[in-house]
N, C-alpha and C. Protein backbone atom coordinates (compact mmCIF):
# COMPACT_ATOMS: atom_id res chain seq x y z
N MET A 1 0.68 -1.09 0.07
CA MET A 1 -0.05 -0.05 -0.06
C MET A 1 0.85 1.31 0.06
N ASN A 2 0.79 1.86 -0.79
CA ASN A 2 1.37 3.43 -0.98
C ASN A 2 0.62 4.45 -0.45
N GLN A 3 1.18 5.42 0.53
CA GLN A 3 0.68 6.37 1.32
C GLN A 3 1.20 7.66 0.45
N GLN A 4 0.39 8.55 0.22
CA GLN A 4 0.86 9.83 -0.46
C GLN A 4 0.27 10.78 0.35
N GLY A 5 1.07 12.02 0.47
CA GLY A 5 0.42 13.15 1.10
C GLY A 5 -0.67 13.91 0.21
N PRO A 6 -0.83 15.26 0.56
CA PRO A 6 -1.54 16.01 -0.29
C PRO A 6 -1.37 16.16 -1.93
N PRO A 7 -2.22 16.25 -2.39
CA PRO A 7 -1.53 16.70 -3.81
C PRO A 7 -0.55 17.87 -4.02
N GLY A 8 0.11 17.62 -4.99
CA GLY A 8 1.30 18.75 -5.17
C GLY A 8 2.46 18.40 -4.52
N GLY A 9 2.52 17.15 -3.41
CA GLY A 9 3.86 16.98 -2.99
C GLY A 9 4.13 17.68 -1.85
N GLN A 10 3.32 18.44 -1.15
CA GLN A 10 3.63 18.87 -0.05
C GLN A 10 3.11 18.14 1.41
N PRO A 11 3.94 18.64 2.34
CA PRO A 11 3.61 17.54 3.56
C PRO A 11 2.01 18.17 4.17
N PRO A 12 1.65 17.41 5.16
CA PRO A 12 0.40 17.52 5.63
C PRO A 12 0.40 18.89 6.69
N PRO A 13 -0.50 19.99 6.51
CA PRO A 13 -0.51 21.10 7.45
C PRO A 13 -0.21 20.86 8.89
N ASP A 14 0.18 21.79 9.49
CA ASP A 14 0.42 21.38 11.00
C ASP A 14 -0.96 21.58 11.78
N PRO A 15 -1.21 21.04 12.41
CA PRO A 15 -2.54 21.13 13.45
C PRO A 15 -2.81 22.51 13.82
N GLY A 16 -1.63 23.03 14.31
CA GLY A 16 -1.92 24.68 15.01
C GLY A 16 -1.98 25.88 14.05
N THR A 17 -1.85 25.41 12.85
CA THR A 17 -1.82 26.35 11.43
C THR A 17 -3.17 26.66 11.30
N GLN A 18 -3.60 27.63 10.83
CA GLN A 18 -4.67 28.14 10.28
C GLN A 18 -5.03 27.25 8.99
N GLN A 19 -6.40 26.80 9.27
CA GLN A 19 -7.01 25.99 8.11
C GLN A 19 -8.31 26.64 7.60
N GLY A 20 -8.43 27.05 6.56
CA GLY A 20 -10.15 27.70 6.30
C GLY A 20 -10.05 29.28 6.76
N PRO A 21 -11.25 29.78 6.70
CA PRO A 21 -11.57 31.07 6.69
C PRO A 21 -11.32 31.79 8.05
N TYR A 22 -11.14 30.74 9.20
CA TYR A 22 -11.01 31.27 10.47
C TYR A 22 -9.75 31.35 11.34
N PRO A 23 -9.47 32.39 11.86
CA PRO A 23 -7.84 32.16 12.62
C PRO A 23 -7.76 31.29 13.43
N PRO A 24 -6.58 30.88 14.12
CA PRO A 24 -6.62 30.08 15.01
C PRO A 24 -7.05 30.67 16.34
N PRO A 25 -7.45 29.49 17.49
CA PRO A 25 -7.57 30.21 18.82
C PRO A 25 -6.38 30.79 19.34
N PRO A 26 -6.92 31.70 20.31
CA PRO A 26 -5.91 32.48 21.04
C PRO A 26 -5.04 31.60 21.84
N ALA A 27 -3.74 32.00 22.15
CA ALA A 27 -3.18 31.46 23.20
C ALA A 27 -3.76 31.25 24.44
N GLY A 28 -3.71 30.26 25.00
CA GLY A 28 -4.45 30.25 26.34
C GLY A 28 -6.00 29.74 26.28
N GLY A 29 -6.69 29.60 25.09
CA GLY A 29 -8.05 29.50 24.88
C GLY A 29 -8.72 30.67 24.98
N TYR A 30 -10.22 30.71 24.60
CA TYR A 30 -11.12 31.70 24.70
C TYR A 30 -11.51 31.92 26.17
N PRO A 31 -11.92 33.16 26.43
CA PRO A 31 -12.33 33.82 27.76
C PRO A 31 -13.63 33.11 28.09
N PRO A 32 -14.12 32.77 29.30
CA PRO A 32 -15.39 32.17 29.59
C PRO A 32 -16.47 33.04 29.10
N HIS A 33 -17.68 32.58 28.56
CA HIS A 33 -18.55 33.19 28.05
C HIS A 33 -19.47 33.97 29.04
N GLN A 34 -19.83 35.22 28.98
CA GLN A 34 -20.48 36.15 30.00
C GLN A 34 -21.85 35.92 29.93
N GLY A 35 -22.32 36.16 28.43
CA GLY A 35 -23.90 35.99 28.24
C GLY A 35 -24.36 37.25 28.44
N GLY A 36 -25.29 37.50 27.33
CA GLY A 36 -26.41 38.80 27.84
C GLY A 36 -25.65 40.04 27.46
N TYR A 37 -26.42 41.19 27.71
CA TYR A 37 -26.13 42.49 27.29
C TYR A 37 -25.56 43.05 28.75
N PRO A 38 -24.52 43.93 28.88
CA PRO A 38 -24.39 44.55 30.19
C PRO A 38 -25.72 45.28 30.60
N PRO A 39 -25.39 45.56 32.02
CA PRO A 39 -26.79 46.14 32.66
C PRO A 39 -26.76 47.75 31.94
N PRO A 40 -27.99 48.38 32.14
CA PRO A 40 -28.01 49.68 31.20
C PRO A 40 -27.43 50.90 32.22
N PRO A 41 -27.16 51.77 31.67
CA PRO A 41 -26.29 52.68 32.57
C PRO A 41 -27.23 53.36 33.83
N GLY A 42 -26.85 53.30 34.99
CA GLY A 42 -27.81 53.79 35.77
C GLY A 42 -28.59 52.42 36.54
N GLY A 43 -28.11 51.26 36.29
CA GLY A 43 -28.75 50.17 36.81
C GLY A 43 -30.19 49.79 36.15
N TYR A 44 -30.87 48.64 36.51
CA TYR A 44 -31.96 48.15 36.23
C TYR A 44 -33.00 48.85 36.84
N PRO A 45 -34.24 49.25 36.18
CA PRO A 45 -35.20 49.85 36.84
C PRO A 45 -35.80 48.98 37.83
N PRO A 46 -36.51 49.63 38.96
CA PRO A 46 -36.85 48.83 39.97
C PRO A 46 -38.17 48.06 39.54
N GLN A 47 -38.13 46.87 40.32
CA GLN A 47 -39.41 46.17 40.04
C GLN A 47 -40.48 46.36 40.70
N TYR A 48 -41.71 47.08 40.14
CA TYR A 48 -42.64 47.19 40.66
C TYR A 48 -43.97 46.01 40.72
N GLN A 49 -44.86 46.22 41.81
CA GLN A 49 -45.99 45.28 41.64
C GLN A 49 -47.02 45.93 40.50
N PRO A 50 -47.78 45.06 39.90
CA PRO A 50 -48.64 45.58 39.02
C PRO A 50 -49.67 46.65 39.72
N HIS A 51 -50.20 47.79 38.98
CA HIS A 51 -51.06 48.45 39.60
C HIS A 51 -52.54 47.96 39.10
N ARG A 52 -53.49 48.16 39.97
CA ARG A 52 -54.86 47.66 39.78
C ARG A 52 -55.77 48.86 39.51
N GLY A 53 -55.31 49.83 38.53
CA GLY A 53 -56.08 51.13 38.44
C GLY A 53 -57.41 50.84 37.55
N GLY A 54 -57.20 49.74 36.67
CA GLY A 54 -58.63 49.43 36.03
C GLY A 54 -59.54 48.81 36.86
N LEU A 55 -59.01 47.89 37.49
CA LEU A 55 -60.20 47.07 38.50
C LEU A 55 -60.57 48.27 39.71
N ILE A 56 -59.85 49.09 39.89
CA ILE A 56 -60.54 50.07 40.82
C ILE A 56 -61.20 51.04 40.40
N PHE A 57 -61.16 51.36 39.03
CA PHE A 57 -62.02 52.33 38.48
C PHE A 57 -63.39 51.67 37.92
N ALA A 58 -63.27 50.19 37.64
CA ALA A 58 -64.36 49.64 37.29
C ALA A 58 -65.36 49.32 38.65
N PHE A 59 -64.57 48.99 39.71
CA PHE A 59 -65.42 48.88 40.80
C PHE A 59 -66.18 50.13 41.43
N GLY A 60 -65.16 51.36 40.93
CA GLY A 60 -65.88 53.06 41.50
C GLY A 60 -67.18 52.91 40.46
N LEU A 61 -67.00 52.70 39.18
CA LEU A 61 -68.36 52.89 38.33
C LEU A 61 -69.49 51.84 38.62
N LEU A 62 -69.05 50.46 39.26
CA LEU A 62 -69.84 49.55 39.51
C LEU A 62 -70.70 50.08 40.86
N GLY A 63 -69.93 50.68 41.65
CA GLY A 63 -70.73 51.43 42.99
C GLY A 63 -71.56 52.55 42.56
N LEU A 64 -71.18 53.33 41.62
CA LEU A 64 -72.34 54.22 41.25
C LEU A 64 -73.47 53.58 40.55
N LEU A 65 -72.86 52.67 39.66
CA LEU A 65 -74.43 52.08 38.82
C LEU A 65 -75.09 51.20 39.52
N VAL A 66 -74.26 50.18 40.15
CA VAL A 66 -75.06 49.02 40.68
C VAL A 66 -75.28 48.88 42.08
N CYS A 67 -74.16 48.81 42.85
CA CYS A 67 -74.23 48.47 44.13
C CYS A 67 -73.16 49.27 44.77
N PHE A 68 -73.55 49.70 46.08
CA PHE A 68 -72.63 50.53 46.98
C PHE A 68 -71.34 49.77 47.46
N ILE A 69 -71.49 48.36 47.71
CA ILE A 69 -70.22 47.77 48.15
C ILE A 69 -69.11 47.92 47.14
N PHE A 70 -69.40 47.94 45.89
CA PHE A 70 -68.27 48.05 44.91
C PHE A 70 -67.58 49.40 45.16
N GLY A 71 -68.61 50.43 45.48
CA GLY A 71 -67.95 51.94 45.90
C GLY A 71 -66.67 51.95 47.11
N ILE A 72 -67.42 50.95 48.16
CA ILE A 72 -66.38 50.86 49.33
C ILE A 72 -65.19 50.36 48.98
N MET A 73 -65.04 49.24 48.11
CA MET A 73 -64.31 48.52 47.94
C MET A 73 -63.28 49.19 46.91
N ALA A 74 -63.62 50.19 46.25
CA ALA A 74 -63.10 51.06 45.31
C ALA A 74 -62.04 52.21 46.29
N TRP A 75 -63.02 52.38 47.11
CA TRP A 75 -62.38 53.54 48.15
C TRP A 75 -61.15 52.68 48.93
N ALA A 76 -61.38 51.66 49.52
CA ALA A 76 -60.28 51.34 50.16
C ALA A 76 -59.24 50.63 49.28
N MET A 77 -59.32 49.85 48.43
CA MET A 77 -58.54 49.73 47.32
C MET A 77 -57.70 50.75 46.63
N GLY A 78 -58.45 51.70 46.12
CA GLY A 78 -57.66 52.84 45.76
C GLY A 78 -56.63 53.64 46.95
N GLY A 79 -57.09 53.75 47.91
CA GLY A 79 -56.34 54.30 48.98
C GLY A 79 -55.00 53.46 49.53
N ARG A 80 -55.31 52.03 49.31
CA ARG A 80 -54.18 51.48 49.69
C ARG A 80 -52.86 51.08 48.61
N ASP A 81 -53.39 51.35 47.24
CA ASP A 81 -52.86 51.29 46.20
C ASP A 81 -52.09 52.51 46.04
N LEU A 82 -52.72 53.50 46.21
CA LEU A 82 -52.09 55.11 46.35
C LEU A 82 -50.85 55.17 47.35
N GLN A 83 -51.01 54.42 48.59
CA GLN A 83 -49.85 54.71 49.36
C GLN A 83 -48.59 53.84 48.84
N GLU A 84 -49.17 52.49 48.15
CA GLU A 84 -48.15 51.79 47.71
C GLU A 84 -47.22 52.27 46.64
N MET A 85 -47.92 53.16 45.73
CA MET A 85 -47.39 53.84 44.69
C MET A 85 -46.45 55.00 45.39
N ALA A 86 -46.88 55.63 46.52
CA ALA A 86 -46.00 56.68 47.16
C ALA A 86 -44.88 56.18 47.95
N ALA A 87 -45.04 54.99 48.07
CA ALA A 87 -43.92 54.06 48.83
C ALA A 87 -42.67 53.95 47.93
N GLY A 88 -43.22 53.61 46.41
CA GLY A 88 -42.41 53.06 45.67
C GLY A 88 -42.50 51.46 45.27
N ARG A 89 -43.54 51.08 45.83
CA ARG A 89 -43.59 49.44 45.67
C ARG A 89 -44.50 49.05 44.71
N MET A 90 -45.46 50.08 44.04
CA MET A 90 -46.44 49.72 42.92
C MET A 90 -46.08 50.61 41.84
N ASP A 91 -46.54 50.04 40.75
CA ASP A 91 -46.31 50.85 39.45
C ASP A 91 -46.97 52.06 39.49
N PRO A 92 -46.43 53.38 39.36
CA PRO A 92 -46.98 54.54 39.44
C PRO A 92 -47.85 54.70 37.85
N ALA A 93 -47.67 53.98 36.88
CA ALA A 93 -48.34 54.54 35.85
C ALA A 93 -49.68 54.17 35.86
N GLY A 94 -50.56 53.45 36.96
CA GLY A 94 -52.00 53.42 37.31
C GLY A 94 -52.21 54.60 38.08
N ARG A 95 -51.67 55.46 38.72
CA ARG A 95 -51.92 56.47 39.31
C ARG A 95 -53.13 57.14 39.11
N GLY A 96 -53.49 57.61 37.88
CA GLY A 96 -54.66 58.47 37.32
C GLY A 96 -55.86 57.31 37.40
N LEU A 97 -55.88 56.17 36.95
CA LEU A 97 -57.04 55.63 36.95
C LEU A 97 -57.28 55.11 38.43
N THR A 98 -56.33 55.04 39.17
CA THR A 98 -56.56 54.60 40.61
C THR A 98 -56.98 55.73 41.30
N GLU A 99 -56.76 56.96 41.59
CA GLU A 99 -57.24 58.25 41.79
C GLU A 99 -58.87 58.28 41.35
N ALA A 100 -58.79 58.19 39.97
CA ALA A 100 -60.32 58.45 39.52
C ALA A 100 -61.20 57.40 40.21
N GLY A 101 -60.84 56.03 40.12
CA GLY A 101 -61.83 54.92 40.73
C GLY A 101 -62.20 55.23 42.08
N ARG A 102 -60.97 55.61 43.09
CA ARG A 102 -61.20 56.02 44.45
C ARG A 102 -62.52 57.06 44.60
N ILE A 103 -61.92 58.16 43.83
CA ILE A 103 -62.91 59.34 43.94
C ILE A 103 -64.19 58.81 43.41
N ILE A 104 -64.65 58.13 42.39
CA ILE A 104 -65.66 57.55 42.16
C ILE A 104 -66.49 56.70 43.13
N GLY A 105 -65.52 56.03 43.70
CA GLY A 105 -66.02 55.14 44.99
C GLY A 105 -66.50 55.92 46.21
N ILE A 106 -65.60 57.10 46.13
CA ILE A 106 -66.12 57.87 47.72
C ILE A 106 -67.67 58.30 47.13
N VAL A 107 -67.65 59.10 45.80
CA VAL A 107 -68.78 59.46 45.49
C VAL A 107 -70.08 58.65 45.50
N ALA A 108 -70.01 57.32 45.13
CA ALA A 108 -70.94 56.29 45.11
C ALA A 108 -71.32 55.81 46.41
N THR A 109 -70.15 56.07 47.21
CA THR A 109 -70.35 55.47 48.80
C THR A 109 -71.49 56.51 49.32
N ILE A 110 -70.92 57.95 49.37
CA ILE A 110 -71.92 59.04 49.89
C ILE A 110 -73.12 59.08 49.22
N ILE A 111 -73.32 59.06 47.85
CA ILE A 111 -74.87 59.22 47.31
C ILE A 111 -75.58 57.93 47.76
N ASN A 112 -75.18 56.98 47.85
CA ASN A 112 -75.75 55.51 48.25
C ASN A 112 -76.00 55.83 49.65
N LEU A 113 -75.41 56.22 50.60
CA LEU A 113 -75.87 56.58 52.01
C LEU A 113 -77.14 57.61 52.03
N LEU A 114 -76.74 58.51 51.18
CA LEU A 114 -77.58 59.63 51.61
C LEU A 114 -79.19 59.08 50.86
N VAL A 115 -78.91 58.15 49.92
CA VAL A 115 -80.36 57.72 49.28
C VAL A 115 -80.83 56.87 50.26
N TYR A 116 -79.96 55.92 51.09
CA TYR A 116 -80.60 54.84 51.84
C TYR A 116 -80.94 55.65 53.10
N CYS A 117 -80.20 56.83 53.81
CA CYS A 117 -81.03 57.75 54.78
C CYS A 117 -82.23 58.24 54.32
N PHE A 118 -82.40 58.91 53.10
CA PHE A 118 -83.66 59.46 52.76
C PHE A 118 -84.73 58.41 52.48
N PHE A 119 -84.27 57.16 52.07
CA PHE A 119 -85.61 56.31 52.23
C PHE A 119 -85.95 55.70 53.42
N GLY A 120 -84.93 55.69 54.31
CA GLY A 120 -85.41 55.18 55.88
C GLY A 120 -85.90 56.24 56.72
N LEU A 121 -85.72 57.41 56.29
CA LEU A 121 -86.42 58.64 57.04
C LEU A 121 -88.11 58.43 56.38
N ALA A 122 -88.08 58.39 54.88
CA ALA A 122 -89.35 58.40 54.31
C ALA A 122 -90.10 57.26 54.75
N MET A 123 -89.56 56.01 55.37
CA MET A 123 -90.32 54.89 55.70
C MET A 123 -90.65 55.07 57.26
N CYS A 124 -90.02 55.46 57.78
CA CYS A 124 -90.31 55.91 59.30
C CYS A 124 -91.23 57.27 59.26
N GLY A 125 -91.46 57.85 58.37
CA GLY A 125 -92.40 59.07 58.23
C GLY A 125 -93.78 58.33 57.97
N ALA A 126 -93.63 57.35 57.16
CA ALA A 126 -94.84 56.53 56.53
C ALA A 126 -95.60 55.51 57.45
N VAL A 127 -94.47 55.07 58.25
CA VAL A 127 -94.85 54.23 59.50
C VAL A 127 -95.62 55.04 60.40
N ALA A 128 -95.24 55.94 60.89
CA ALA A 128 -95.65 57.04 61.70
C ALA A 128 -96.82 57.80 61.56
N THR A 129 -97.36 57.84 60.23
CA THR A 129 -98.55 58.54 60.06
C THR A 129 -99.54 57.56 59.81
N SER A 130 -99.27 56.37 59.74
CA SER A 130 -100.15 55.12 59.36
C SER A 130 -100.77 54.78 60.63
N PHE A 131 -100.30 55.49 61.80
CA PHE A 131 -101.19 54.90 63.09
C PHE A 131 -101.92 55.77 63.32
C-alpha cells in the first residue's frame, strides 16, 4: 500500500496553523462566555407590583351604577394602592385610574348612604303617619 500526502507533493499542514477562513484560537483559549448584554447605565429599573387602576376604576363605576359595596371596595383598594405607589412599591403608571376610581368610589358611597338615609326617613315617616 502506497501512502501519499496531499496533492502537489506538500507535507500535511501542522494542526496548529490556520485552516480555512477562521484564525487559530488565541493562546490560552477563549475567555469564558459572559452571556447577555451589560446592565443599562444607571442600573436596572426597580421591580414594581402591577397596578390595579383598571379594576379600581371599574369597581368605582359599579359602585355608582349597581351596588354601593363596590364603591366601598374601590375607596379602600384605591387608598391602599396610592399608598403603595407613594412608597415606590407599586407601578405608578396606574395612578390616574386609581385616583379616579377611588374618587368615584367615595362619591358612590356617599350618594348611596344619602339615598338609604332618605328612604329610611321616608319609611319612618310613612309608618308614623299610618297609626
